[in-house]
C-alpha atoms as a PDB file:
ATOM      1  CA  MET A   1     -49.626 -33.616 -31.723  1.00  0.00           C
ATOM      2  CA  ALA A   2     -49.835 -34.540 -28.048  1.00  0.00           C
ATOM      3  CA  PHE A   3     -51.087 -31.739 -25.835  1.00  0.00           C
ATOM      4  CA  ARG A   4     -48.854 -31.075 -22.849  1.00  0.00           C
ATOM      5  CA  VAL A   5     -50.772 -29.792 -19.854  1.00  0.00           C
ATOM      6  CA  SER A   6     -47.677 -28.437 -18.129  1.00  0.00           C
ATOM      7  CA  SER A   7     -46.704 -26.342 -21.150  1.00  0.00           C
ATOM      8  CA  ILE A   8     -49.305 -23.703 -20.317  1.00  0.00           C
ATOM      9  CA  LEU A   9     -48.231 -23.717 -16.674  1.00  0.00           C
ATOM     10  CA  ARG A  10     -44.614 -22.930 -17.523  1.00  0.00           C
ATOM     11  CA  GLN A  11     -43.057 -19.643 -18.433  1.00  0.00           C
ATOM     12  CA  GLU A  12     -39.654 -19.294 -20.005  1.00  0.00           C
ATOM     13  CA  LEU A  13     -37.164 -18.460 -17.266  1.00  0.00           C
ATOM     14  CA  LYS A  14     -35.411 -15.209 -18.064  1.00  0.00           C
ATOM     15  CA  LEU A  15     -32.366 -14.295 -16.040  1.00  0.00           C
ATOM     16  CA  ARG A  16     -31.198 -10.820 -15.255  1.00  0.00           C
ATOM     17  CA  PRO A  17     -28.031  -9.875 -17.185  1.00  0.00           C
ATOM     18  CA  ALA A  18     -24.942 -11.760 -16.004  1.00  0.00           C
ATOM     19  CA  TYR A  19     -23.233  -8.587 -14.806  1.00  0.00           C
ATOM     20  CA  GLU A  20     -26.148  -7.843 -12.447  1.00  0.00           C
ATOM     21  CA  LEU A  21     -25.718 -11.243 -10.817  1.00  0.00           C
ATOM     22  CA  ALA A  22     -21.957 -10.702 -10.601  1.00  0.00           C
ATOM     23  CA  LEU A  23     -22.453  -7.331  -8.899  1.00  0.00           C
ATOM     24  CA  ARG A  24     -24.999  -8.779  -6.452  1.00  0.00           C
ATOM     25  CA  SER A  25     -22.677 -11.688  -5.724  1.00  0.00           C
ATOM     26  CA  SER A  26     -19.790  -9.289  -5.084  1.00  0.00           C
ATOM     27  CA  CYS A  27     -21.866  -7.261  -2.624  1.00  0.00           C
ATOM     28  CA  LEU A  28     -22.753 -10.438  -0.773  1.00  0.00           C
ATOM     29  CA  GLN A  29     -19.132 -11.529  -0.626  1.00  0.00           C
ATOM     30  CA  LEU A  30     -17.976  -8.293   0.972  1.00  0.00           C
ATOM     31  CA  VAL A  31     -20.718  -8.420   3.594  1.00  0.00           C
ATOM     32  CA  LEU A  32     -20.067 -12.111   4.282  1.00  0.00           C
ATOM     33  CA  ALA A  33     -16.369 -11.368   4.717  1.00  0.00           C
ATOM     34  CA  ARG A  34     -17.311  -8.812   7.357  1.00  0.00           C
ATOM     35  CA  TRP A  35     -19.760 -11.324   8.830  1.00  0.00           C
ATOM     36  CA  GLY A  36     -16.883 -13.771   9.261  1.00  0.00           C
ATOM     37  CA  LEU A  37     -14.809 -11.231  11.215  1.00  0.00           C
ATOM     38  CA  GLU A  38     -17.739 -10.230  13.406  1.00  0.00           C
ATOM     39  CA  THR A  39     -18.827 -13.818  14.072  1.00  0.00           C
ATOM     40  CA  ALA A  40     -15.308 -14.860  15.033  1.00  0.00           C
ATOM     41  CA  ALA A  41     -15.079 -11.939  17.460  1.00  0.00           C
ATOM     42  CA  LEU A  42     -18.503 -12.704  18.932  1.00  0.00           C
ATOM     43  CA  MET A  43     -17.637 -16.347  19.524  1.00  0.00           C
ATOM     44  CA  GLY A  44     -14.129 -15.652  20.751  1.00  0.00           C
ATOM     45  CA  LEU A  45     -12.602 -17.796  18.005  1.00  0.00           C
ATOM     46  CA  GLY A  46      -9.473 -15.692  17.917  1.00  0.00           C
ATOM     47  CA  GLY A  47      -8.334 -16.961  21.296  1.00  0.00           C
ATOM     48  CA  ASP A  48      -6.513 -14.482  23.514  1.00  0.00           C
ATOM     49  CA  GLN A  49      -6.759 -11.164  21.724  1.00  0.00           C
ATOM     50  CA  THR A  50      -4.015  -8.580  21.905  1.00  0.00           C
ATOM     51  CA  ALA A  51      -4.196  -4.899  21.060  1.00  0.00           C
ATOM     52  CA  ASN A  52      -2.306  -5.643  17.839  1.00  0.00           C
ATOM     53  CA  ASP A  53      -4.760  -8.405  16.883  1.00  0.00           C
ATOM     54  CA  ASP A  54      -7.704  -6.109  17.450  1.00  0.00           C
ATOM     55  CA  GLY A  55      -6.001  -3.368  15.481  1.00  0.00           C
ATOM     56  CA  ARG A  56      -5.507  -5.670  12.512  1.00  0.00           C
ATOM     57  CA  LYS A  57      -9.164  -6.640  12.547  1.00  0.00           C
ATOM     58  CA  VAL A  58     -10.225  -2.976  12.657  1.00  0.00           C
ATOM     59  CA  ARG A  59      -8.009  -2.217   9.672  1.00  0.00           C
ATOM     60  CA  ALA A  60      -9.435  -5.230   7.810  1.00  0.00           C
ATOM     61  CA  VAL A  61     -12.979  -4.005   8.450  1.00  0.00           C
ATOM     62  CA  GLU A  62     -12.084  -0.524   7.241  1.00  0.00           C
ATOM     63  CA  ALA A  63     -10.441  -1.962   4.124  1.00  0.00           C
ATOM     64  CA  ILE A  64     -13.564  -3.978   3.249  1.00  0.00           C
ATOM     65  CA  THR A  65     -15.730  -0.883   3.616  1.00  0.00           C
ATOM     66  CA  ALA A  66     -13.326   1.160   1.507  1.00  0.00           C
ATOM     67  CA  ALA A  67     -13.320  -1.556  -1.176  1.00  0.00           C
ATOM     68  CA  MET A  68     -17.095  -1.272  -1.468  1.00  0.00           C
ATOM     69  CA  TYR A  69     -16.811   2.416  -2.369  1.00  0.00           C
ATOM     70  CA  GLU A  70     -13.649   2.224  -4.457  1.00  0.00           C
ATOM     71  CA  SER A  71     -15.063  -0.589  -6.591  1.00  0.00           C
ATOM     72  CA  GLY A  72     -18.405   1.175  -7.030  1.00  0.00           C
ATOM     73  CA  LEU A  73     -20.347  -1.580  -5.292  1.00  0.00           C
ATOM     74  CA  ASP A  74     -21.993   0.987  -3.039  1.00  0.00           C
ATOM     75  CA  GLU A  75     -24.285   1.772  -5.994  1.00  0.00           C
ATOM     76  CA  HIS A  76     -25.461  -1.844  -6.070  1.00  0.00           C
ATOM     77  CA  ALA A  77     -25.484  -2.764  -2.375  1.00  0.00           C
ATOM     78  CA  THR A  78     -28.713  -2.576  -0.401  1.00  0.00           C
ATOM     79  CA  LYS A  79     -29.118  -0.001   2.340  1.00  0.00           C
ATOM     80  CA  ALA A  80     -28.866  -2.782   4.933  1.00  0.00           C
ATOM     81  CA  GLU A  81     -25.604  -4.020   3.420  1.00  0.00           C
ATOM     82  CA  LYS A  82     -24.069  -0.544   3.396  1.00  0.00           C
ATOM     83  CA  ASP A  83     -25.187   0.064   6.969  1.00  0.00           C
ATOM     84  CA  MET A  84     -23.566  -3.197   8.096  1.00  0.00           C
ATOM     85  CA  LEU A  85     -20.272  -2.439   6.400  1.00  0.00           C
ATOM     86  CA  GLU A  86     -20.156   1.099   7.777  1.00  0.00           C
ATOM     87  CA  LYS A  87     -20.668   0.058  11.390  1.00  0.00           C
ATOM     88  CA  PRO A  88     -17.539   0.037  13.571  1.00  0.00           C
ATOM     89  CA  TYR A  89     -15.922  -3.329  14.297  1.00  0.00           C
ATOM     90  CA  ARG A  90     -17.741  -5.305  17.009  1.00  0.00           C
ATOM     91  CA  SER A  91     -20.848  -3.114  16.896  1.00  0.00           C
ATOM     92  CA  TRP A  92     -23.121  -5.456  14.928  1.00  0.00           C
ATOM     93  CA  GLU A  93     -26.600  -6.270  16.210  1.00  0.00           C
ATOM     94  CA  TYR A  94     -28.616  -9.506  16.011  1.00  0.00           C
ATOM     95  CA  ASN A  95     -30.181  -8.752  12.627  1.00  0.00           C
ATOM     96  CA  ASP A  96     -26.716  -8.144  11.174  1.00  0.00           C
ATOM     97  CA  TYR A  97     -25.467 -11.578  12.196  1.00  0.00           C
ATOM     98  CA  VAL A  98     -28.553 -13.197  10.637  1.00  0.00           C
ATOM     99  CA  TYR A  99     -27.189 -12.040   7.277  1.00  0.00           C
ATOM    100  CA  GLY A 100     -24.934 -15.087   7.426  1.00  0.00           C
ATOM    101  CA  ASP A 101     -27.904 -17.048   6.070  1.00  0.00           C
ATOM    102  CA  HIS A 102     -27.064 -15.485   2.696  1.00  0.00           C
ATOM    103  CA  TRP A 103     -24.127 -17.863   2.204  1.00  0.00           C
ATOM    104  CA  GLU A 104     -26.622 -20.108   0.420  1.00  0.00           C
ATOM    105  CA  SER A 105     -27.836 -17.252  -1.783  1.00  0.00           C
ATOM    106  CA  PHE A 106     -24.220 -16.475  -2.619  1.00  0.00           C
ATOM    107  CA  GLY A 107     -23.719 -20.098  -3.620  1.00  0.00           C
ATOM    108  CA  VAL A 108     -26.702 -20.108  -5.978  1.00  0.00           C
ATOM    109  CA  LEU A 109     -25.548 -16.904  -7.680  1.00  0.00           C
ATOM    110  CA  GLN A 110     -22.085 -18.365  -8.177  1.00  0.00           C
ATOM    111  CA  TRP A 111     -23.664 -21.536  -9.588  1.00  0.00           C
ATOM    112  CA  ILE A 112     -25.729 -19.581 -12.114  1.00  0.00           C
ATOM    113  CA  LEU A 113     -22.583 -17.672 -13.103  1.00  0.00           C
ATOM    114  CA  GLY A 114     -20.734 -20.949 -13.670  1.00  0.00           C
ATOM    115  CA  ARG A 115     -18.381 -20.647 -10.692  1.00  0.00           C
ATOM    116  CA  GLN A 116     -19.896 -23.592  -8.802  1.00  0.00           C
ATOM    117  CA  HIS A 117     -20.436 -26.982 -10.425  1.00  0.00           C
ATOM    118  CA  THR A 118     -23.279 -28.227  -8.248  1.00  0.00           C
ATOM    119  CA  ILE A 119     -25.835 -27.122  -5.677  1.00  0.00           C
ATOM    120  CA  PRO A 120     -25.659 -29.314  -2.559  1.00  0.00           C
ATOM    121  CA  ALA A 121     -28.632 -31.215  -1.195  1.00  0.00           C
ATOM    122  CA  TYR A 122     -31.051 -28.970   0.665  1.00  0.00           C
ATOM    123  CA  TYR A 123     -30.022 -30.385   4.020  1.00  0.00           C
ATOM    124  CA  SER A 124     -26.364 -29.493   3.364  1.00  0.00           C
ATOM    125  CA  ASN A 125     -24.546 -26.189   3.063  1.00  0.00           C
ATOM    126  CA  PHE A 126     -22.239 -24.993   0.336  1.00  0.00           C
ATOM    127  CA  ASP A 127     -18.565 -25.425   1.254  1.00  0.00           C
ATOM    128  CA  ARG A 128     -17.912 -21.862   2.377  1.00  0.00           C
ATOM    129  CA  ALA A 129     -14.156 -21.903   1.936  1.00  0.00           C
ATOM    130  CA  LYS A 130     -14.415 -23.126  -1.669  1.00  0.00           C
ATOM    131  CA  LEU A 131     -17.326 -20.808  -2.330  1.00  0.00           C
ATOM    132  CA  PHE A 132     -15.406 -17.799  -1.090  1.00  0.00           C
ATOM    133  CA  GLN A 133     -12.490 -18.649  -3.365  1.00  0.00           C
ATOM    134  CA  SER A 134     -14.661 -19.235  -6.436  1.00  0.00           C
ATOM    135  CA  SER A 135     -14.893 -15.564  -7.389  1.00  0.00           C
ATOM    136  CA  GLY A 136     -11.238 -14.713  -6.863  1.00  0.00           C
ATOM    137  CA  ILE A 137     -12.331 -11.648  -4.880  1.00  0.00           C
ATOM    138  CA  MET A 138     -10.158 -10.519  -2.000  1.00  0.00           C
ATOM    139  CA  PRO A 139     -12.589  -8.343  -0.030  1.00  0.00           C
ATOM    140  CA  ALA A 140     -10.022  -5.726   0.951  1.00  0.00           C
ATOM    141  CA  ASP A 141      -8.769  -5.321  -2.634  1.00  0.00           C
ATOM    142  CA  PRO A 142     -11.210  -3.449  -4.911  1.00  0.00           C
ATOM    143  CA  SER A 143      -9.231  -4.390  -8.030  1.00  0.00           C
ATOM    144  CA  THR A 144     -10.243  -8.044  -7.527  1.00  0.00           C
ATOM    145  CA  VAL A 145     -13.905  -7.032  -7.565  1.00  0.00           C
ATOM    146  CA  GLU A 146     -13.389  -5.366 -10.929  1.00  0.00           C
ATOM    147  CA  LYS A 147     -11.500  -8.420 -12.186  1.00  0.00           C
ATOM    148  CA  PHE A 148     -14.405 -10.684 -11.238  1.00  0.00           C
ATOM    149  CA  VAL A 149     -17.223  -8.490 -12.539  1.00  0.00           C
ATOM    150  CA  GLY A 150     -15.475  -7.248 -15.690  1.00  0.00           C
ATOM    151  CA  PRO A 151     -15.874 -10.336 -17.905  1.00  0.00           C
ATOM    152  CA  PHE A 152     -19.600 -10.501 -17.139  1.00  0.00           C
ATOM    153  CA  MET A 153     -20.224  -6.968 -18.407  1.00  0.00           C
ATOM    154  CA  SER A 154     -20.171  -8.163 -22.011  1.00  0.00           C
ATOM    155  CA  SER A 155     -20.944 -11.872 -21.664  1.00  0.00           C
ATOM    156  CA  GLN A 156     -24.162 -13.859 -21.779  1.00  0.00           C
ATOM    157  CA  HIS A 157     -25.271 -16.610 -19.430  1.00  0.00           C
ATOM    158  CA  THR A 158     -23.973 -20.037 -20.408  1.00  0.00           C
ATOM    159  CA  ILE A 159     -26.222 -22.084 -18.155  1.00  0.00           C
ATOM    160  CA  GLU A 160     -28.597 -24.395 -20.023  1.00  0.00           C
ATOM    161  CA  ALA A 161     -32.303 -23.595 -19.740  1.00  0.00           C
ATOM    162  CA  GLN A 162     -33.205 -27.168 -18.796  1.00  0.00           C
ATOM    163  CA  GLN A 163     -30.604 -27.246 -16.040  1.00  0.00           C
ATOM    164  CA  LEU A 164     -31.806 -23.930 -14.642  1.00  0.00           C
ATOM    165  CA  GLN A 165     -35.438 -25.070 -14.744  1.00  0.00           C
ATOM    166  CA  ARG A 166     -34.617 -28.229 -12.842  1.00  0.00           C
ATOM    167  CA  GLU A 167     -32.826 -26.388 -10.030  1.00  0.00           C
ATOM    168  CA  VAL A 168     -35.632 -23.857  -9.760  1.00  0.00           C
ATOM    169  CA  ASP A 169     -38.105 -26.755  -9.489  1.00  0.00           C
ATOM    170  CA  VAL A 170     -36.000 -28.405  -6.779  1.00  0.00           C
ATOM    171  CA  SER A 171     -35.769 -25.118  -4.894  1.00  0.00           C
ATOM    172  CA  GLU A 172     -39.537 -24.667  -5.010  1.00  0.00           C
ATOM    173  CA  ALA A 173     -40.119 -28.185  -3.716  1.00  0.00           C
ATOM    174  CA  TRP A 174     -37.885 -27.664  -0.693  1.00  0.00           C
ATOM    175  CA  VAL A 175     -39.193 -24.220   0.170  1.00  0.00           C
ATOM    176  CA  TRP A 176     -42.746 -25.628  -0.062  1.00  0.00           C
ATOM    177  CA  ARG A 177     -41.795 -28.431   2.326  1.00  0.00           C
ATOM    178  CA  ALA A 178     -40.176 -25.991   4.748  1.00  0.00           C
ATOM    179  CA  ARG A 179     -43.291 -23.845   4.799  1.00  0.00           C
ATOM    180  CA  ALA A 180     -45.488 -26.907   5.183  1.00  0.00           C
ATOM    181  CA  GLN A 181     -43.576 -27.872   8.320  1.00  0.00           C
ATOM    182  CA  VAL A 182     -44.181 -24.460   9.876  1.00  0.00           C
ATOM    183  CA  LEU A 183     -47.883 -24.721   9.074  1.00  0.00           C
ATOM    184  CA  LEU A 184     -47.982 -28.275  10.404  1.00  0.00           C
ATOM    185  CA  GLY A 185     -46.719 -27.083  13.764  1.00  0.00           C
ATOM    186  CA  LEU A 186     -49.069 -24.106  13.931  1.00  0.00           C
ATOM    187  CA  ARG A 187     -52.201 -25.597  12.365  1.00  0.00           C
ATOM    188  CA  GLU A 188     -54.192 -25.718  15.602  1.00  0.00           C
ATOM    189  CA  GLU A 189     -53.397 -22.089  16.397  1.00  0.00           C
ATOM    190  CA  ILE A 190     -54.242 -21.023  12.854  1.00  0.00           C
ATOM    191  CA  ASP A 191     -57.510 -22.975  12.938  1.00  0.00           C
ATOM    192  CA  SER A 192     -58.615 -21.472  16.243  1.00  0.00           C
ATOM    193  CA  ALA A 193     -57.497 -17.931  15.456  1.00  0.00           C
ATOM    194  CA  LYS A 194     -60.369 -15.574  14.809  1.00  0.00           C
ATOM    195  CA  SER A 195     -59.521 -11.883  14.778  1.00  0.00           C
ATOM    196  CA  THR A 196     -55.818 -11.805  15.563  1.00  0.00           C
ATOM    197  CA  LEU A 197     -55.331  -8.099  15.099  1.00  0.00           C
ATOM    198  CA  SER A 198     -56.399  -5.290  17.357  1.00  0.00           C
ATOM    199  CA  GLY A 199     -55.807  -1.952  15.731  1.00  0.00           C
ATOM    200  CA  ASP A 200     -52.216  -1.835  14.565  1.00  0.00           C
ATOM    201  CA  GLN A 201     -51.070  -4.518  16.979  1.00  0.00           C
ATOM    202  CA  GLU A 202     -49.870  -7.803  15.469  1.00  0.00           C
ATOM    203  CA  SER A 203     -50.735 -11.058  17.200  1.00  0.00           C
ATOM    204  CA  PRO A 204     -47.975 -13.478  18.277  1.00  0.00           C
ATOM    205  CA  LEU A 205     -49.209 -15.959  15.648  1.00  0.00           C
ATOM    206  CA  GLU A 206     -48.993 -13.375  12.858  1.00  0.00           C
ATOM    207  CA  THR A 207     -45.517 -12.370  14.044  1.00  0.00           C
ATOM    208  CA  THR A 208     -44.352 -15.984  13.859  1.00  0.00           C
ATOM    209  CA  LEU A 209     -45.830 -16.576  10.417  1.00  0.00           C
ATOM    210  CA  ARG A 210     -44.321 -13.372   9.085  1.00  0.00           C
ATOM    211  CA  ALA A 211     -40.921 -14.108  10.620  1.00  0.00           C
ATOM    212  CA  LYS A 212     -40.924 -17.524   8.947  1.00  0.00           C
ATOM    213  CA  HIS A 213     -42.041 -16.069   5.605  1.00  0.00           C
ATOM    214  CA  ILE A 214     -45.308 -17.961   5.197  1.00  0.00           C
ATOM    215  CA  PRO A 215     -47.459 -16.596   2.336  1.00  0.00           C
ATOM    216  CA  ASN A 216     -51.021 -15.687   3.315  1.00  0.00           C
ATOM    217  CA  SER A 217     -52.446 -17.958   0.622  1.00  0.00           C
ATOM    218  CA  LEU A 218     -50.900 -21.061   2.218  1.00  0.00           C
ATOM    219  CA  ARG A 219     -52.237 -20.482   5.716  1.00  0.00           C
ATOM    220  CA  LYS A 220     -55.762 -21.614   4.841  1.00  0.00           C
ATOM    221  CA  ILE A 221     -54.520 -25.141   4.061  1.00  0.00           C
ATOM    222  CA  ALA A 222     -52.672 -25.598   7.359  1.00  0.00           C
ATOM    223  CA  ALA A 223     -55.302 -27.996   8.720  1.00  0.00           C
ATOM    224  CA  ASP A 224     -54.800 -30.328   5.763  1.00  0.00           C
ATOM    225  CA  MET A 225     -51.022 -30.587   6.106  1.00  0.00           C
ATOM    226  CA  PRO A 226     -50.943 -34.068   7.722  1.00  0.00           C
ATOM    227  CA  LYS A 227     -52.568 -35.435   4.527  1.00  0.00           C
ATOM    228  CA  THR A 228     -50.996 -32.999   2.067  1.00  0.00           C
ATOM    229  CA  ILE A 229     -47.345 -33.563   2.981  1.00  0.00           C
ATOM    230  CA  PRO A 230     -47.266 -37.297   2.043  1.00  0.00           C
ATOM    231  CA  LEU A 231     -49.008 -36.500  -1.240  1.00  0.00           C
ATOM    232  CA  ALA A 232     -46.545 -33.699  -2.011  1.00  0.00           C
ATOM    233  CA  ALA A 233     -43.596 -35.927  -1.110  1.00  0.00           C
ATOM    234  CA  LYS A 234     -44.811 -38.650  -3.463  1.00  0.00           C
ATOM    235  CA  ARG A 235     -45.234 -36.155  -6.300  1.00  0.00           C
ATOM    236  CA  ALA A 236     -41.855 -34.518  -5.668  1.00  0.00           C
ATOM    237  CA  HIS A 237     -40.121 -37.891  -5.692  1.00  0.00           C
ATOM    238  CA  ALA A 238     -41.911 -38.995  -8.874  1.00  0.00           C
ATOM    239  CA  ARG A 239     -40.712 -35.831 -10.596  1.00  0.00           C
ATOM    240  CA  GLY A 240     -37.136 -36.272  -9.376  1.00  0.00           C
ATOM    241  CA  LEU A 241     -37.198 -33.194  -7.154  1.00  0.00           C
ATOM    242  CA  VAL A 242     -36.146 -35.206  -4.100  1.00  0.00           C
ATOM    243  CA  GLU A 243     -33.780 -38.152  -4.234  1.00  0.00           C
ATOM    244  CA  SER A 244     -35.670 -40.445  -1.882  1.00  0.00           C
ATOM    245  CA  LEU A 245     -38.524 -40.699   0.595  1.00  0.00           C
ATOM    246  CA  GLU A 246     -38.588 -41.913   4.154  1.00  0.00           C
ATOM    247  CA  GLY A 247     -41.816 -42.634   5.988  1.00  0.00           C
ATOM    248  CA  GLY A 248     -43.839 -40.944   3.253  1.00  0.00           C
ATOM    249  CA  ASP A 249     -41.841 -37.739   3.624  1.00  0.00           C
ATOM    250  CA  PHE A 250     -38.795 -36.019   2.137  1.00  0.00           C
ATOM    251  CA  ALA A 251     -35.770 -38.078   3.213  1.00  0.00           C
ATOM    252  CA  ILE A 252     -33.012 -36.252   5.092  1.00  0.00           C
ATOM    253  CA  ALA A 253     -29.564 -37.853   5.240  1.00  0.00           C
ATOM    254  CA  VAL A 254     -28.059 -37.670   8.716  1.00  0.00           C
ATOM    255  CA  GLU A 255     -24.724 -38.873  10.001  1.00  0.00           C
ATOM    256  CA  LEU A 256     -24.710 -40.997  13.136  1.00  0.00           C
ATOM    257  CA  LYS A 257     -21.410 -41.045  14.965  1.00  0.00           C
ATOM    258  CA  GLY A 258     -20.553 -44.319  16.586  1.00  0.00           C
ATOM    259  CA  ASP A 259     -17.534 -45.587  18.454  1.00  0.00           C
ATOM    260  CA  SER A 260     -15.610 -46.036  15.219  1.00  0.00           C
ATOM    261  CA  ASP A 261     -16.857 -44.970  11.790  1.00  0.00           C
ATOM    262  CA  ALA A 262     -19.780 -42.632  11.195  1.00  0.00           C
ATOM    263  CA  VAL A 263     -22.862 -44.143   9.610  1.00  0.00           C
ATOM    264  CA  THR A 264     -25.221 -42.242   7.294  1.00  0.00           C
ATOM    265  CA  THR A 265     -28.918 -42.978   7.461  1.00  0.00           C
ATOM    266  CA  SER A 266     -32.156 -41.300   6.364  1.00  0.00           C
ATOM    267  CA  VAL A 267     -34.946 -39.869   8.494  1.00  0.00           C
ATOM    268  CA  PRO A 268     -38.286 -38.267   7.557  1.00  0.00           C
ATOM    269  CA  TYR A 269     -38.190 -34.483   7.326  1.00  0.00           C
ATOM    270  CA  ALA A 270     -40.849 -34.147  10.035  1.00  0.00           C
ATOM    271  CA  ASN A 271     -38.765 -36.145  12.520  1.00  0.00           C
ATOM    272  CA  LEU A 272     -36.011 -33.541  12.750  1.00  0.00           C
ATOM    273  CA  ASP A 273     -35.678 -31.436  15.886  1.00  0.00           C
ATOM    274  CA  GLN A 274     -36.496 -27.724  15.755  1.00  0.00           C
ATOM    275  CA  GLN A 275     -32.891 -26.634  15.387  1.00  0.00           C
ATOM    276  CA  HIS A 276     -32.411 -28.724  12.259  1.00  0.00           C
ATOM    277  CA  LEU A 277     -35.837 -27.789  10.892  1.00  0.00           C
ATOM    278  CA  ASP A 278     -34.916 -24.111  11.171  1.00  0.00           C
ATOM    279  CA  ALA A 279     -31.534 -24.706   9.541  1.00  0.00           C
ATOM    280  CA  ILE A 280     -33.051 -26.506   6.541  1.00  0.00           C
ATOM    281  CA  ARG A 281     -35.781 -23.885   6.212  1.00  0.00           C
ATOM    282  CA  LYS A 282     -33.163 -21.126   6.055  1.00  0.00           C
ATOM    283  CA  ILE A 283     -31.177 -23.013   3.395  1.00  0.00           C
ATOM    284  CA  ALA A 284     -34.320 -23.370   1.291  1.00  0.00           C
ATOM    285  CA  GLU A 285     -35.382 -19.738   1.735  1.00  0.00           C
ATOM    286  CA  SER A 286     -31.944 -18.330   0.985  1.00  0.00           C
ATOM    287  CA  ARG A 287     -31.559 -20.331  -2.221  1.00  0.00           C
ATOM    288  CA  PHE A 288     -35.148 -19.561  -3.227  1.00  0.00           C
ATOM    289  CA  LEU A 289     -34.468 -15.827  -2.826  1.00  0.00           C
ATOM    290  CA  ALA A 290     -31.407 -16.072  -5.077  1.00  0.00           C
ATOM    291  CA  PHE A 291     -33.359 -17.825  -7.821  1.00  0.00           C
ATOM    292  CA  ALA A 292     -36.361 -15.510  -7.487  1.00  0.00           C
ATOM    293  CA  TRP A 293     -34.241 -12.353  -7.632  1.00  0.00           C
ATOM    294  CA  SER A 294     -32.078 -13.654 -10.499  1.00  0.00           C
ATOM    295  CA  LEU A 295     -35.230 -14.397 -12.509  1.00  0.00           C
ATOM    296  CA  GLU A 296     -36.802 -11.009 -11.652  1.00  0.00           C
ATOM    297  CA  LYS A 297     -39.604 -12.615  -9.683  1.00  0.00           C
ATOM    298  CA  ALA A 298     -38.389 -10.609  -6.685  1.00  0.00           C
ATOM    299  CA  SER A 299     -37.552  -6.973  -7.320  1.00  0.00           C
ATOM    300  CA  ASP A 300     -35.750  -6.364  -4.029  1.00  0.00           C
ATOM    301  CA  TRP A 301     -32.947  -8.285  -2.379  1.00  0.00           C
ATOM    302  CA  ASP A 302     -34.812  -8.769   0.884  1.00  0.00           C
ATOM    303  CA  ILE A 303     -35.269 -12.111   2.635  1.00  0.00           C
ATOM    304  CA  GLY A 304     -38.148 -10.548   4.549  1.00  0.00           C
ATOM    305  CA  LYS A 305     -40.190 -10.368   1.340  1.00  0.00           C
ATOM    306  CA  VAL A 306     -39.777 -14.043   0.454  1.00  0.00           C
ATOM    307  CA  GLY A 307     -43.130 -14.657   2.122  1.00  0.00           C
ATOM    308  CA  GLU A 308     -44.799 -12.565  -0.562  1.00  0.00           C
ATOM    309  CA  LEU A 309     -43.801 -15.086  -3.227  1.00  0.00           C
ATOM    310  CA  VAL A 310     -45.483 -18.491  -3.314  1.00  0.00           C
ATOM    311  CA  SER A 311     -43.474 -19.822  -6.244  1.00  0.00           C
ATOM    312  CA  ILE A 312     -41.291 -18.859  -9.204  1.00  0.00           C
ATOM    313  CA  ASN A 313     -43.211 -21.021 -11.663  1.00  0.00           C
ATOM    314  CA  PRO A 314     -46.882 -20.112 -12.201  1.00  0.00           C
ATOM    315  CA  ILE A 315     -47.665 -23.123  -9.979  1.00  0.00           C
ATOM    316  CA  SER A 316     -45.214 -24.618  -7.510  1.00  0.00           C
ATOM    317  CA  SER A 317     -43.209 -27.461  -9.043  1.00  0.00           C
ATOM    318  CA  VAL A 318     -44.651 -29.873  -6.481  1.00  0.00           C
ATOM    319  CA  TRP A 319     -48.146 -29.375  -7.919  1.00  0.00           C
ATOM    320  CA  THR A 320     -47.419 -28.715 -11.602  1.00  0.00           C
ATOM    321  CA  PRO A 321     -49.088 -31.468 -13.668  1.00  0.00           C
ATOM    322  CA  ASN A 322     -46.789 -33.897 -15.423  1.00  0.00           C
ATOM    323  CA  ASP A 323     -46.471 -33.647 -19.198  1.00  0.00           C
ATOM    324  CA  SER A 324     -49.209 -35.668 -20.810  1.00  0.00           C
END
C-alpha cells in the first residue's frame, strides 16, 4: 500500500451543526441590512432627504432591532452585533461600518448551507443582492428568520467533504498570500525592530501587524518573502489552489476600460496598488474567518482574532506535501 505523506497532515473537517451556521448567518444578515441603511445615509445615496424619508429609515432600523429580539437571535448575536443594532439611526462609528467586510463571511456560510452555488474568485466579491435574497430573510420580519432557520434545526449538512476541503485549501492559500504581502512591505521594519515595546505601550509596527491580523509565527520569515512568494505561488498553482500565475505570483484578473469594450487581463498580486491589496486581504480574511468558525477552529466570531490562527489544516494548504 502506498504511503501518503499528506494523510497524517490532514484532519477530517467537522462542521458545526447546520442550525448553528444558519443562526450565525441570520445574525450577519440583520447587521448587514442595518449596515446598508447606515452606509447609504453616510454617503448621501438617498439624494435629498425629507423628514418623511428619515422617519421611514428610523422605523426600518427599529424594526430590524425588534426582529433580532422577537426571533431570538439576540441569544446568538455577538455583543458587538447587538450594540450596533441598538444604536440610534445615524449614530454608527468607524468600527461599525467596518463590519461591512463580513459580506464575504456571510457568503461562505450561505455556500456551506447550500444557498450559494459557488464562491467567487478571491479578487471578486459575492453578488450582494443575490446573496441577500438567498436566505429569504426580510430583516424587519422575524417570521422569515424562523422560516430560514427552521429546516436546519433537524437537518444535516449536505456539502461533500471533498468539496469543503478544496474550498478550505483555497481559502488558506489566499489568506497566506495576503499576509505575505503585508510582511513583504514591512520586512525591513520587522528586521530592524529590536525591543518594540516599552511597558504597556505598543509600537506603531506592532499596531500595524495586529490590525492586519498577522500571526506572530509568520513575522520571523518576513525577510525571506521575496524568495518565498514565488515558491508558494508555484506550489499553489500546482495544487489547483489558484487558477493561474503571472510573473511568478498569484494572477489577479483586472478589467481595463478602453474607449469601447472593456478588456480583462492578469497582473501579479504584488503589482496591485494599496487600495486593491487591502480589499483582497479583507476578502480573504473574511472568508477564512467563516470557514474557521464553521469548523470550530475559531471559538469566537471575531475578525480581530483571525491573526491568532495560522491555518485551518494542521499545515497551511500551500505547504502541505502532495500525496505520494
